[in-house]
Amino acid sequence: PAPADGAGASPNRRSPSLPGPSPDGRSRRAASPGDPPAHLVARYGWEARAVQDLARRDPALGETVAAGITRAELVWAVLHEGALDAGDLLDRRTRIGLVPEDREAALPAAEAALALGG
């Protein structure tokens, strides 16, 4: 059995190789064209590429709705994080709702994302 701290555990071969430090603190490879932007990696870690792929498949999802959050991130939160309603999506998952003007601007996109999941 692997030690409790994860030392000696084999890496998940299905996970994409992303730039920056790995969970164990060692450096990975340098960023290359096609890698997810740093802000997606910071928010979604290993799943950043999947969020980016949503926008690649449907360029409309790459559109920013508010506070640097894209439609793809809203759809991801509905389909993969279990966001249940606009409040959950805007206040808890993305924190857009903390600024009333941003909430108002993003609400139609949140409702559209919720409709995709439902």
PDB file of N, CA and C in Angstrom:
ATOM      1  N   PRO A   1       0.820  -1.199   0.000  1.00  0.00           N
ATOM      2  CA  PRO A   1       0.000   0.000   0.000  1.00  0.00           C
ATOM      3  C   PRO A   1       0.862   1.260   0.000  1.00  0.00           C
ATOM      4  N   ALA A   2       0.340   2.323  -0.630  1.00  0.00           N
ATOM      5  CA  ALA A   2       1.055   3.597  -0.687  1.00  0.00           C
ATOM      6  C   ALA A   2       1.012   4.270   0.684  1.00  0.00           C
ATOM      7  N   PRO A   3       2.061   5.007   1.030  1.00  0.00           N
ATOM      8  CA  PRO A   3       2.056   5.739   2.295  1.00  0.00           C
ATOM      9  C   PRO A   3       0.890   6.721   2.346  1.00  0.00           C
ATOM     10  N   ALA A   4       0.449   7.042   3.541  1.00  0.00           N
ATOM     11  CA  ALA A   4      -0.701   7.929   3.739  1.00  0.00           C
ATOM     12  C   ALA A   4      -0.486   9.320   3.153  1.00  0.00           C
ATOM     13  N   ASP A   5       0.784   9.772   3.073  1.00  0.00           N
ATOM     14  CA  ASP A   5       1.031  11.120   2.553  1.00  0.00           C
ATOM     15  C   ASP A   5       1.033  11.170   1.031  1.00  0.00           C
ATOM     16  N   GLY A   6       0.803  10.039   0.364  1.00  0.00           N
ATOM     17  CA  GLY A   6       0.743  10.008  -1.084  1.00  0.00           C
ATOM     18  C   GLY A   6       2.086   9.777  -1.745  1.00  0.00           C
ATOM     19  N   ALA A   7       3.170   9.731  -0.962  1.00  0.00           N
ATOM     20  CA  ALA A   7       4.484   9.495  -1.540  1.00  0.00           C
ATOM     21  C   ALA A   7       4.502   8.130  -2.214  1.00  0.00           C
ATOM     22  N   GLY A   8       5.058   8.096  -3.379  1.00  0.00           N
ATOM     23  CA  GLY A   8       5.150   6.839  -4.105  1.00  0.00           C
ATOM     24  C   GLY A   8       3.894   6.491  -4.883  1.00  0.00           C
ATOM     25  N   ALA A   9       2.855   7.293  -4.764  1.00  0.00           N
ATOM     26  CA  ALA A   9       1.635   7.021  -5.517  1.00  0.00           C
ATOM     27  C   ALA A   9       1.891   7.309  -6.989  1.00  0.00           C
ATOM     28  N   SER A  10       1.298   6.523  -7.847  1.00  0.00           N
ATOM     29  CA  SER A  10       1.497   6.752  -9.270  1.00  0.00           C
ATOM     30  C   SER A  10       0.619   7.912  -9.728  1.00  0.00           C
ATOM     31  N   PRO A  11       1.112   8.702 -10.703  1.00  0.00           N
ATOM     32  CA  PRO A  11       0.320   9.840 -11.177  1.00  0.00           C
ATOM     33  C   PRO A  11      -0.881   9.371 -11.980  1.00  0.00           C
ATOM     34  N   ASN A  12      -1.891  10.182 -12.019  1.00  0.00           N
ATOM     35  CA  ASN A  12      -3.069   9.891 -12.823  1.00  0.00           C
ATOM     36  C   ASN A  12      -2.712  10.177 -14.265  1.00  0.00           C
ATOM     37  N   ARG A  13      -2.633   9.164 -15.081  1.00  0.00           N
ATOM     38  CA  ARG A  13      -2.192   9.316 -16.465  1.00  0.00           C
ATOM     39  C   ARG A  13      -3.228  10.026 -17.336  1.00  0.00           C
ATOM     40  N   ARG A  14      -4.467  10.105 -16.887  1.00  0.00           N
ATOM     41  CA  ARG A  14      -5.490  10.777 -17.670  1.00  0.00           C
ATOM     42  C   ARG A  14      -5.494  12.276 -17.432  1.00  0.00           C
ATOM     43  N   SER A  15      -4.805  12.756 -16.433  1.00  0.00           N
ATOM     44  CA  SER A  15      -4.761  14.183 -16.140  1.00  0.00           C
ATOM     45  C   SER A  15      -3.860  14.884 -17.139  1.00  0.00           C
ATOM     46  N   PRO A  16      -4.271  16.047 -17.641  1.00  0.00           N
ATOM     47  CA  PRO A  16      -3.418  16.769 -18.580  1.00  0.00           C
ATOM     48  C   PRO A  16      -2.188  17.307 -17.893  1.00  0.00           C
ATOM     49  N   SER A  17      -1.132  17.458 -18.635  1.00  0.00           N
ATOM     50  CA  SER A  17       0.074  18.062 -18.096  1.00  0.00           C
ATOM     51  C   SER A  17      -0.092  19.570 -18.197  1.00  0.00           C
ATOM     52  N   LEU A  18      -0.049  20.246 -17.070  1.00  0.00           N
ATOM     53  CA  LEU A  18      -0.226  21.685 -17.042  1.00  0.00           C
ATOM     54  C   LEU A  18       1.054  22.353 -16.579  1.00  0.00           C
ATOM     55  N   PRO A  19       1.264  23.605 -17.012  1.00  0.00           N
ATOM     56  CA  PRO A  19       2.448  24.322 -16.552  1.00  0.00           C
ATOM     57  C   PRO A  19       2.339  24.670 -15.079  1.00  0.00           C
ATOM     58  N   GLY A  20       3.471  25.027 -14.490  1.00  0.00           N
ATOM     59  CA  GLY A  20       3.481  25.470 -13.106  1.00  0.00           C
ATOM     60  C   GLY A  20       3.827  24.354 -12.151  1.00  0.00           C
ATOM     61  N   PRO A  21       3.780  24.636 -10.854  1.00  0.00           N
ATOM     62  CA  PRO A  21       4.167  23.626  -9.863  1.00  0.00           C
ATOM     63  C   PRO A  21       3.131  22.516  -9.770  1.00  0.00           C
ATOM     64  N   SER A  22       3.591  21.331  -9.528  1.00  0.00           N
ATOM     65  CA  SER A  22       2.694  20.196  -9.342  1.00  0.00           C
ATOM     66  C   SER A  22       2.232  20.171  -7.889  1.00  0.00           C
ATOM     67  N   PRO A  23       1.246  19.337  -7.565  1.00  0.00           N
ATOM     68  CA  PRO A  23       0.768  19.283  -6.176  1.00  0.00           C
ATOM     69  C   PRO A  23       1.867  18.979  -5.167  1.00  0.00           C
ATOM     70  N   ASP A  24       2.904  18.268  -5.598  1.00  0.00           N
ATOM     71  CA  ASP A  24       3.979  17.950  -4.660  1.00  0.00           C
ATOM     72  C   ASP A  24       5.051  19.041  -4.612  1.00  0.00           C
ATOM     73  N   GLY A  25       4.821  20.170  -5.322  1.00  0.00           N
ATOM     74  CA  GLY A  25       5.730  21.302  -5.261  1.00  0.00           C
ATOM     75  C   GLY A  25       6.835  21.293  -6.301  1.00  0.00           C
ATOM     76  N   ARG A  26       6.982  20.190  -7.030  1.00  0.00           N
ATOM     77  CA  ARG A  26       8.014  20.139  -8.061  1.00  0.00           C
ATOM     78  C   ARG A  26       7.517  20.853  -9.309  1.00  0.00           C
ATOM     79  N   SER A  27       8.441  21.382 -10.067  1.00  0.00           N
ATOM     80  CA  SER A  27       8.072  22.130 -11.271  1.00  0.00           C
ATOM     81  C   SER A  27       7.660  21.181 -12.383  1.00  0.00           C
ATOM     82  N   ARG A  28       6.634  21.567 -13.104  1.00  0.00           N
ATOM     83  CA  ARG A  28       6.233  20.850 -14.300  1.00  0.00           C
ATOM     84  C   ARG A  28       6.898  21.524 -15.488  1.00  0.00           C
ATOM     85  N   ARG A  29       6.407  21.276 -16.665  1.00  0.00           N
ATOM     86  CA  ARG A  29       6.961  21.870 -17.873  1.00  0.00           C
ATOM     87  C   ARG A  29       6.535  23.329 -18.007  1.00  0.00           C
ATOM     88  N   ALA A  30       7.182  24.039 -18.902  1.00  0.00           N
ATOM     89  CA  ALA A  30       6.823  25.436 -19.175  1.00  0.00           C
ATOM     90  C   ALA A  30       5.519  25.474 -19.970  1.00  0.00           C
ATOM     91  N   ALA A  31       4.823  26.595 -19.876  1.00  0.00           N
ATOM     92  CA  ALA A  31       3.574  26.768 -20.626  1.00  0.00           C
ATOM     93  C   ALA A  31       3.871  26.737 -22.116  1.00  0.00           C
ATOM     94  N   SER A  32       2.925  26.231 -22.877  1.00  0.00           N
ATOM     95  CA  SER A  32       3.060  26.206 -24.328  1.00  0.00           C
ATOM     96  C   SER A  32       1.755  26.663 -24.957  1.00  0.00           C
ATOM     97  N   PRO A  33       1.792  27.027 -26.249  1.00  0.00           N
ATOM     98  CA  PRO A  33       0.561  27.468 -26.909  1.00  0.00           C
ATOM     99  C   PRO A  33      -0.527  26.399 -26.773  1.00  0.00           C
ATOM    100  N   GLY A  34      -1.740  26.837 -26.528  1.00  0.00           N
ATOM    101  CA  GLY A  34      -2.851  25.896 -26.366  1.00  0.00           C
ATOM    102  C   GLY A  34      -3.128  25.519 -24.923  1.00  0.00           C
ATOM    103  N   ASP A  35      -2.197  25.840 -24.015  1.00  0.00           N
ATOM    104  CA  ASP A  35      -2.447  25.567 -22.600  1.00  0.00           C
ATOM    105  C   ASP A  35      -3.543  26.494 -22.089  1.00  0.00           C
ATOM    106  N   PRO A  36      -4.287  26.070 -21.084  1.00  0.00           N
ATOM    107  CA  PRO A  36      -5.295  26.960 -20.504  1.00  0.00           C
ATOM    108  C   PRO A  36      -4.634  28.204 -19.925  1.00  0.00           C
ATOM    109  N   PRO A  37      -5.344  29.335 -19.958  1.00  0.00           N
ATOM    110  CA  PRO A  37      -4.793  30.547 -19.346  1.00  0.00           C
ATOM    111  C   PRO A  37      -4.551  30.342 -17.848  1.00  0.00           C
ATOM    112  N   ALA A  38      -3.611  31.097 -17.327  1.00  0.00           N
ATOM    113  CA  ALA A  38      -3.233  30.961 -15.914  1.00  0.00           C
ATOM    114  C   ALA A  38      -4.418  31.148 -14.975  1.00  0.00           C
ATOM    115  N   HIS A  39      -5.343  32.053 -15.300  1.00  0.00           N
ATOM    116  CA  HIS A  39      -6.475  32.269 -14.390  1.00  0.00           C
ATOM    117  C   HIS A  39      -7.383  31.037 -14.337  1.00  0.00           C
ATOM    118  N   LEU A  40      -7.505  30.301 -15.434  1.00  0.00           N
ATOM    119  CA  LEU A  40      -8.294  29.060 -15.382  1.00  0.00           C
ATOM    120  C   LEU A  40      -7.568  27.989 -14.580  1.00  0.00           C
ATOM    121  N   VAL A  41      -6.260  27.900 -14.754  1.00  0.00           N
ATOM    122  CA  VAL A  41      -5.486  26.924 -13.983  1.00  0.00           C
ATOM    123  C   VAL A  41      -5.589  27.247 -12.493  1.00  0.00           C
ATOM    124  N   ALA A  42      -5.531  28.535 -12.148  1.00  0.00           N
ATOM    125  CA  ALA A  42      -5.631  28.934 -10.736  1.00  0.00           C
ATOM    126  C   ALA A  42      -6.996  28.572 -10.159  1.00  0.00           C
ATOM    127  N   ARG A  43      -8.063  28.714 -10.949  1.00  0.00           N
ATOM    128  CA  ARG A  43      -9.416  28.426 -10.457  1.00  0.00           C
ATOM    129  C   ARG A  43      -9.780  26.951 -10.498  1.00  0.00           C
ATOM    130  N   TYR A  44      -9.345  26.255 -11.553  1.00  0.00           N
ATOM    131  CA  TYR A  44      -9.841  24.887 -11.792  1.00  0.00           C
ATOM    132  C   TYR A  44      -8.769  23.813 -11.746  1.00  0.00           C
ATOM    133  N   GLY A  45      -7.520  24.195 -11.604  1.00  0.00           N
ATOM    134  CA  GLY A  45      -6.448  23.214 -11.522  1.00  0.00           C
ATOM    135  C   GLY A  45      -6.442  22.283 -12.719  1.00  0.00           C
ATOM    136  N   TRP A  46      -6.430  20.985 -12.450  1.00  0.00           N
ATOM    137  CA  TRP A  46      -6.352  19.964 -13.494  1.00  0.00           C
ATOM    138  C   TRP A  46      -7.550  20.002 -14.438  1.00  0.00           C
ATOM    139  N   GLU A  47      -8.640  20.592 -14.034  1.00  0.00           N
ATOM    140  CA  GLU A  47      -9.829  20.632 -14.885  1.00  0.00           C
ATOM    141  C   GLU A  47      -9.865  21.865 -15.788  1.00  0.00           C
ATOM    142  N   ALA A  48      -8.858  22.719 -15.707  1.00  0.00           N
ATOM    143  CA  ALA A  48      -8.829  23.949 -16.507  1.00  0.00           C
ATOM    144  C   ALA A  48      -8.928  23.666 -17.998  1.00  0.00           C
ATOM    145  N   ARG A  49      -8.260  22.631 -18.444  1.00  0.00           N
ATOM    146  CA  ARG A  49      -8.294  22.304 -19.881  1.00  0.00           C
ATOM    147  C   ARG A  49      -9.710  21.922 -20.306  1.00  0.00           C
ATOM    148  N   ALA A  50     -10.446  21.226 -19.480  1.00  0.00           N
ATOM    149  CA  ALA A  50     -11.822  20.845 -19.814  1.00  0.00           C
ATOM    150  C   ALA A  50     -12.719  22.078 -19.900  1.00  0.00           C
ATOM    151  N   VAL A  51     -12.523  23.039 -19.011  1.00  0.00           N
ATOM    152  CA  VAL A  51     -13.287  24.292 -19.058  1.00  0.00           C
ATOM    153  C   VAL A  51     -12.934  25.026 -20.350  1.00  0.00           C
ATOM    154  N   GLN A  52     -11.662  25.093 -20.662  1.00  0.00           N
ATOM    155  CA  GLN A  52     -11.209  25.747 -21.888  1.00  0.00           C
ATOM    156  C   GLN A  52     -11.801  25.048 -23.121  1.00  0.00           C
ATOM    157  N   ASP A  53     -11.874  23.739 -23.099  1.00  0.00           N
ATOM    158  CA  ASP A  53     -12.411  22.984 -24.236  1.00  0.00           C
ATOM    159  C   ASP A  53     -13.880  23.291 -24.494  1.00  0.00           C
ATOM    160  N   LEU A  54     -14.644  23.600 -23.444  1.00  0.00           N
ATOM    161  CA  LEU A  54     -16.047  23.999 -23.645  1.00  0.00           C
ATOM    162  C   LEU A  54     -16.113  25.217 -24.561  1.00  0.00           C
ATOM    163  N   ALA A  55     -15.260  26.193 -24.304  1.00  0.00           N
ATOM    164  CA  ALA A  55     -15.250  27.416 -25.110  1.00  0.00           C
ATOM    165  C   ALA A  55     -14.686  27.172 -26.499  1.00  0.00           C
ATOM    166  N   ARG A  56     -13.789  26.224 -26.636  1.00  0.00           N
ATOM    167  CA  ARG A  56     -13.262  25.903 -27.966  1.00  0.00           C
ATOM    168  C   ARG A  56     -14.339  25.247 -28.832  1.00  0.00           C
ATOM    169  N   ARG A  57     -15.157  24.400 -28.225  1.00  0.00           N
ATOM    170  CA  ARG A  57     -16.228  23.729 -28.977  1.00  0.00           C
ATOM    171  C   ARG A  57     -17.353  24.681 -29.328  1.00  0.00           C
ATOM    172  N   ASP A  58     -17.606  25.662 -28.466  1.00  0.00           N
ATOM    173  CA  ASP A  58     -18.655  26.654 -28.699  1.00  0.00           C
ATOM    174  C   ASP A  58     -18.081  28.023 -28.358  1.00  0.00           C
ATOM    175  N   PRO A  59     -17.581  28.748 -29.370  1.00  0.00           N
ATOM    176  CA  PRO A  59     -16.919  30.028 -29.106  1.00  0.00           C
ATOM    177  C   PRO A  59     -17.762  31.031 -28.314  1.00  0.00           C
ATOM    178  N   ALA A  60     -19.078  30.938 -28.382  1.00  0.00           N
ATOM    179  CA  ALA A  60     -19.923  31.846 -27.585  1.00  0.00           C
ATOM    180  C   ALA A  60     -19.677  31.651 -26.094  1.00  0.00           C
ATOM    181  N   LEU A  61     -19.265  30.446 -25.690  1.00  0.00           N
ATOM    182  CA  LEU A  61     -19.002  30.192 -24.274  1.00  0.00           C
ATOM    183  C   LEU A  61     -17.710  30.846 -23.794  1.00  0.00           C
ATOM    184  N   GLY A  62     -16.885  31.299 -24.719  1.00  0.00           N
ATOM    185  CA  GLY A  62     -15.659  31.994 -24.349  1.00  0.00           C
ATOM    186  C   GLY A  62     -15.880  33.445 -23.986  1.00  0.00           C
ATOM    187  N   GLU A  63     -17.097  33.929 -24.184  1.00  0.00           N
ATOM    188  CA  GLU A  63     -17.440  35.317 -23.889  1.00  0.00           C
ATOM    189  C   GLU A  63     -17.446  35.565 -22.382  1.00  0.00           C
ATOM    190  N   THR A  64     -16.840  36.667 -21.970  1.00  0.00           N
ATOM    191  CA  THR A  64     -16.820  37.052 -20.558  1.00  0.00           C
ATOM    192  C   THR A  64     -18.165  37.665 -20.181  1.00  0.00           C
ATOM    193  N   VAL A  65     -18.726  37.214 -19.058  1.00  0.00           N
ATOM    194  CA  VAL A  65     -20.020  37.738 -18.613  1.00  0.00           C
ATOM    195  C   VAL A  65     -19.862  38.821 -17.554  1.00  0.00           C
ATOM    196  N   ALA A  66     -18.924  38.677 -16.665  1.00  0.00           N
ATOM    197  CA  ALA A  66     -18.642  39.668 -15.619  1.00  0.00           C
ATOM    198  C   ALA A  66     -17.446  39.190 -14.799  1.00  0.00           C
ATOM    199  N   ALA A  67     -16.723  40.133 -14.259  1.00  0.00           N
ATOM    200  CA  ALA A  67     -15.629  39.843 -13.321  1.00  0.00           C
ATOM    201  C   ALA A  67     -14.632  38.812 -13.847  1.00  0.00           C
ATOM    202  N   GLY A  68     -14.424  38.798 -15.175  1.00  0.00           N
ATOM    203  CA  GLY A  68     -13.464  37.868 -15.760  1.00  0.00           C
ATOM    204  C   GLY A  68     -13.955  36.445 -15.891  1.00  0.00           C
ATOM    205  N   ILE A  69     -15.205  36.177 -15.570  1.00  0.00           N
ATOM    206  CA  ILE A  69     -15.791  34.833 -15.659  1.00  0.00           C
ATOM    207  C   ILE A  69     -16.453  34.670 -17.020  1.00  0.00           C
ATOM    208  N   THR A  70     -16.193  33.539 -17.669  1.00  0.00           N
ATOM    209  CA  THR A  70     -16.777  33.280 -18.989  1.00  0.00           C
ATOM    210  C   THR A  70     -18.044  32.434 -18.878  1.00  0.00           C
ATOM    211  N   ARG A  71     -18.784  32.427 -19.976  1.00  0.00           N
ATOM    212  CA  ARG A  71     -19.968  31.565 -20.050  1.00  0.00           C
ATOM    213  C   ARG A  71     -19.570  30.102 -19.853  1.00  0.00           C
ATOM    214  N   ALA A  72     -18.405  29.716 -20.358  1.00  0.00           N
ATOM    215  CA  ALA A  72     -17.940  28.328 -20.197  1.00  0.00           C
ATOM    216  C   ALA A  72     -17.800  27.972 -18.722  1.00  0.00           C
ATOM    217  N   GLU A  73     -17.342  28.897 -17.905  1.00  0.00           N
ATOM    218  CA  GLU A  73     -17.196  28.636 -16.475  1.00  0.00           C
ATOM    219  C   GLU A  73     -18.555  28.464 -15.803  1.00  0.00           C
ATOM    220  N   LEU A  74     -19.545  29.216 -16.267  1.00  0.00           N
ATOM    221  CA  LEU A  74     -20.893  29.049 -15.729  1.00  0.00           C
ATOM    222  C   LEU A  74     -21.446  27.679 -16.106  1.00  0.00           C
ATOM    223  N   VAL A  75     -21.265  27.306 -17.374  1.00  0.00           N
ATOM    224  CA  VAL A  75     -21.745  25.997 -17.828  1.00  0.00           C
ATOM    225  C   VAL A  75     -21.022  24.886 -17.063  1.00  0.00           C
ATOM    226  N   TRP A  76     -19.722  25.015 -16.872  1.00  0.00           N
ATOM    227  CA  TRP A  76     -18.957  24.023 -16.124  1.00  0.00           C
ATOM    228  C   TRP A  76     -19.526  23.855 -14.705  1.00  0.00           C
ATOM    229  N   ALA A  77     -19.829  24.979 -14.064  1.00  0.00           N
ATOM    230  CA  ALA A  77     -20.362  24.928 -12.700  1.00  0.00           C
ATOM    231  C   ALA A  77     -21.701  24.197 -12.647  1.00  0.00           C
ATOM    232  N   VAL A  78     -22.513  24.349 -13.672  1.00  0.00           N
ATOM    233  CA  VAL A  78     -23.805  23.663 -13.719  1.00  0.00           C
ATOM    234  C   VAL A  78     -23.617  22.179 -14.003  1.00  0.00           C
ATOM    235  N   LEU A  79     -22.834  21.869 -15.036  1.00  0.00           N
ATOM    236  CA  LEU A  79     -22.712  20.477 -15.478  1.00  0.00           C
ATOM    237  C   LEU A  79     -21.810  19.612 -14.598  1.00  0.00           C
ATOM    238  N   HIS A  80     -20.793  20.221 -13.993  1.00  0.00           N
ATOM    239  CA  HIS A  80     -19.790  19.406 -13.285  1.00  0.00           C
ATOM    240  C   HIS A  80     -19.640  19.712 -11.804  1.00  0.00           C
ATOM    241  N   GLU A  81     -20.175  20.843 -11.359  1.00  0.00           N
ATOM    242  CA  GLU A  81     -20.065  21.185  -9.943  1.00  0.00           C
ATOM    243  C   GLU A  81     -21.407  21.146  -9.235  1.00  0.00           C
ATOM    244  N   GLY A  82     -22.470  20.949  -9.985  1.00  0.00           N
ATOM    245  CA  GLY A  82     -23.783  20.808  -9.371  1.00  0.00           C
ATOM    246  C   GLY A  82     -24.458  22.095  -8.960  1.00  0.00           C
ATOM    247  N   ALA A  83     -24.122  23.217  -9.607  1.00  0.00           N
ATOM    248  CA  ALA A  83     -24.812  24.470  -9.289  1.00  0.00           C
ATOM    249  C   ALA A  83     -26.301  24.282  -9.544  1.00  0.00           C
ATOM    250  N   LEU A  84     -27.131  24.673  -8.590  1.00  0.00           N
ATOM    251  CA  LEU A  84     -28.561  24.373  -8.637  1.00  0.00           C
ATOM    252  C   LEU A  84     -29.443  25.522  -9.087  1.00  0.00           C
ATOM    253  N   ASP A  85     -29.020  26.758  -8.823  1.00  0.00           N
ATOM    254  CA  ASP A  85     -29.833  27.909  -9.194  1.00  0.00           C
ATOM    255  C   ASP A  85     -28.910  29.105  -9.406  1.00  0.00           C
ATOM    256  N   ALA A  86     -29.502  30.228  -9.824  1.00  0.00           N
ATOM    257  CA  ALA A  86     -28.694  31.410 -10.123  1.00  0.00           C
ATOM    258  C   ALA A  86     -27.915  31.895  -8.899  1.00  0.00           C
ATOM    259  N   GLY A  87     -28.517  31.835  -7.723  1.00  0.00           N
ATOM    260  CA  GLY A  87     -27.814  32.246  -6.512  1.00  0.00           C
ATOM    261  C   GLY A  87     -26.603  31.379  -6.240  1.00  0.00           C
ATOM    262  N   ASP A  88     -26.767  30.091  -6.375  1.00  0.00           N
ATOM    263  CA  ASP A  88     -25.662  29.148  -6.184  1.00  0.00           C
ATOM    264  C   ASP A  88     -24.553  29.442  -7.189  1.00  0.00           C
ATOM    265  N   LEU A  89     -24.948  29.622  -8.433  1.00  0.00           N
ATOM    266  CA  LEU A  89     -23.986  29.848  -9.508  1.00  0.00           C
ATOM    267  C   LEU A  89     -23.254  31.182  -9.348  1.00  0.00           C
ATOM    268  N   LEU A  90     -23.984  32.241  -9.102  1.00  0.00           N
ATOM    269  CA  LEU A  90     -23.377  33.573  -9.053  1.00  0.00           C
ATOM    270  C   LEU A  90     -22.765  33.931  -7.703  1.00  0.00           C
ATOM    271  N   ASP A  91     -23.351  33.463  -6.622  1.00  0.00           N
ATOM    272  CA  ASP A  91     -22.855  33.850  -5.297  1.00  0.00           C
ATOM    273  C   ASP A  91     -21.802  32.893  -4.747  1.00  0.00           C
ATOM    274  N   ARG A  92     -22.009  31.619  -4.929  1.00  0.00           N
ATOM    275  CA  ARG A  92     -21.102  30.646  -4.322  1.00  0.00           C
ATOM    276  C   ARG A  92     -20.058  30.105  -5.280  1.00  0.00           C
ATOM    277  N   ARG A  93     -20.449  29.703  -6.477  1.00  0.00           N
ATOM    278  CA  ARG A  93     -19.498  29.078  -7.398  1.00  0.00           C
ATOM    279  C   ARG A  93     -18.524  30.072  -8.010  1.00  0.00           C
ATOM    280  N   THR A  94     -19.028  31.244  -8.410  1.00  0.00           N
ATOM    281  CA  THR A  94     -18.169  32.203  -9.107  1.00  0.00           C
ATOM    282  C   THR A  94     -17.926  33.483  -8.330  1.00  0.00           C
ATOM    283  N   ARG A  95     -18.736  33.773  -7.357  1.00  0.00           N
ATOM    284  CA  ARG A  95     -18.645  34.979  -6.526  1.00  0.00           C
ATOM    285  C   ARG A  95     -18.991  36.257  -7.294  1.00  0.00           C
ATOM    286  N   ILE A  96     -19.522  36.125  -8.515  1.00  0.00           N
ATOM    287  CA  ILE A  96     -19.935  37.295  -9.291  1.00  0.00           C
ATOM    288  C   ILE A  96     -20.987  38.091  -8.531  1.00  0.00           C
ATOM    289  N   GLY A  97     -21.868  37.419  -7.847  1.00  0.00           N
ATOM    290  CA  GLY A  97     -22.987  38.069  -7.182  1.00  0.00           C
ATOM    291  C   GLY A  97     -22.608  38.997  -6.049  1.00  0.00           C
ATOM    292  N   LEU A  98     -21.355  39.018  -5.656  1.00  0.00           N
ATOM    293  CA  LEU A  98     -20.927  39.903  -4.575  1.00  0.00           C
ATOM    294  C   LEU A  98     -20.972  41.375  -4.972  1.00  0.00           C
ATOM    295  N   VAL A  99     -20.927  41.642  -6.261  1.00  0.00           N
ATOM    296  CA  VAL A  99     -21.016  43.013  -6.769  1.00  0.00           C
ATOM    297  C   VAL A  99     -22.351  43.121  -7.502  1.00  0.00           C
ATOM    298  N   PRO A 100     -23.290  43.907  -6.981  1.00  0.00           N
ATOM    299  CA  PRO A 100     -24.635  43.950  -7.563  1.00  0.00           C
ATOM    300  C   PRO A 100     -24.669  44.217  -9.072  1.00  0.00           C
ATOM    301  N   GLU A 101     -23.821  45.108  -9.565  1.00  0.00           N
ATOM    302  CA  GLU A 101     -23.801  45.407 -10.999  1.00  0.00           C
ATOM    303  C   GLU A 101     -23.344  44.191 -11.806  1.00  0.00           C
ATOM    304  N   ASP A 102     -22.346  43.461 -11.289  1.00  0.00           N
ATOM    305  CA  ASP A 102     -21.866  42.254 -11.969  1.00  0.00           C
ATOM    306  C   ASP A 102     -22.943  41.169 -11.961  1.00  0.00           C
ATOM    307  N   ARG A 103     -23.643  41.055 -10.841  1.00  0.00           N
ATOM    308  CA  ARG A 103     -24.721  40.064 -10.731  1.00  0.00           C
ATOM    309  C   ARG A 103     -25.783  40.335 -11.794  1.00  0.00           C
ATOM    310  N   GLU A 104     -26.174  41.594 -11.891  1.00  0.00           N
ATOM    311  CA  GLU A 104     -27.204  41.965 -12.864  1.00  0.00           C
ATOM    312  C   GLU A 104     -26.742  41.676 -14.291  1.00  0.00           C
ATOM    313  N   ALA A 105     -25.482  41.986 -14.587  1.00  0.00           N
ATOM    314  CA  ALA A 105     -24.946  41.746 -15.923  1.00  0.00           C
ATOM    315  C   ALA A 105     -24.847  40.252 -16.246  1.00  0.00           C
ATOM    316  N   ALA A 106     -24.542  39.435 -15.252  1.00  0.00           N
ATOM    317  CA  ALA A 106     -24.320  38.000 -15.467  1.00  0.00           C
ATOM    318  C   ALA A 106     -25.576  37.149 -15.346  1.00  0.00           C
ATOM    319  N   LEU A 107     -26.641  37.686 -14.805  1.00  0.00           N
ATOM    320  CA  LEU A 107     -27.842  36.884 -14.552  1.00  0.00           C
ATOM    321  C   LEU A 107     -28.397  36.199 -15.808  1.00  0.00           C
ATOM    322  N   PRO A 108     -28.526  36.880 -16.947  1.00  0.00           N
ATOM    323  CA  PRO A 108     -29.026  36.177 -18.139  1.00  0.00           C
ATOM    324  C   PRO A 108     -28.128  35.005 -18.556  1.00  0.00           C
ATOM    325  N   ALA A 109     -26.821  35.181 -18.465  1.00  0.00           N
ATOM    326  CA  ALA A 109     -25.898  34.094 -18.817  1.00  0.00           C
ATOM    327  C   ALA A 109     -26.013  32.943 -17.818  1.00  0.00           C
ATOM    328  N   ALA A 110     -26.219  33.261 -16.546  1.00  0.00           N
ATOM    329  CA  ALA A 110     -26.398  32.216 -15.527  1.00  0.00           C
ATOM    330  C   ALA A 110     -27.657  31.421 -15.801  1.00  0.00           C
ATOM    331  N   GLU A 111     -28.746  32.113 -16.138  1.00  0.00           N
ATOM    332  CA  GLU A 111     -29.999  31.414 -16.439  1.00  0.00           C
ATOM    333  C   GLU A 111     -29.857  30.535 -17.674  1.00  0.00           C
ATOM    334  N   ALA A 112     -29.113  31.012 -18.689  1.00  0.00           N
ATOM    335  CA  ALA A 112     -28.881  30.204 -19.893  1.00  0.00           C
ATOM    336  C   ALA A 112     -28.048  28.968 -19.548  1.00  0.00           C
ATOM    337  N   ALA A 113     -27.045  29.124 -18.705  1.00  0.00           N
ATOM    338  CA  ALA A 113     -26.213  27.980 -18.304  1.00  0.00           C
ATOM    339  C   ALA A 113     -27.037  26.966 -17.536  1.00  0.00           C
ATOM    340  N   LEU A 114     -27.897  27.441 -16.655  1.00  0.00           N
ATOM    341  CA  LEU A 114     -28.762  26.541 -15.885  1.00  0.00           C
ATOM    342  C   LEU A 114     -29.724  25.797 -16.809  1.00  0.00           C
ATOM    343  N   ALA A 115     -30.216  26.450 -17.852  1.00  0.00           N
ATOM    344  CA  ALA A 115     -31.106  25.794 -18.806  1.00  0.00           C
ATOM    345  C   ALA A 115     -30.397  24.667 -19.551  1.00  0.00           C
ATOM    346  N   LEU A 116     -29.111  24.817 -19.797  1.00  0.00           N
ATOM    347  CA  LEU A 116     -28.333  23.753 -20.465  1.00  0.00           C
ATOM    348  C   LEU A 116     -28.235  22.501 -19.599  1.00  0.00           C
ATOM    349  N   GLY A 117     -28.179  22.722 -18.299  1.00  0.00           N
ATOM    350  CA  GLY A 117     -28.037  21.591 -17.380  1.00  0.00           C
ATOM    351  C   GLY A 117     -29.331  20.939 -16.993  1.00  0.00           C
ATOM    352  N   GLY A 118     -30.446  21.563 -17.342  1.00  0.00           N
ATOM    353  CA  GLY A 118     -31.672  21.086 -16.801  1.00  0.00           C
ATOM    354  C   GLY A 118     -32.598  20.362 -17.657  1.00  0.00           C
TER     355      GLY A 118
END
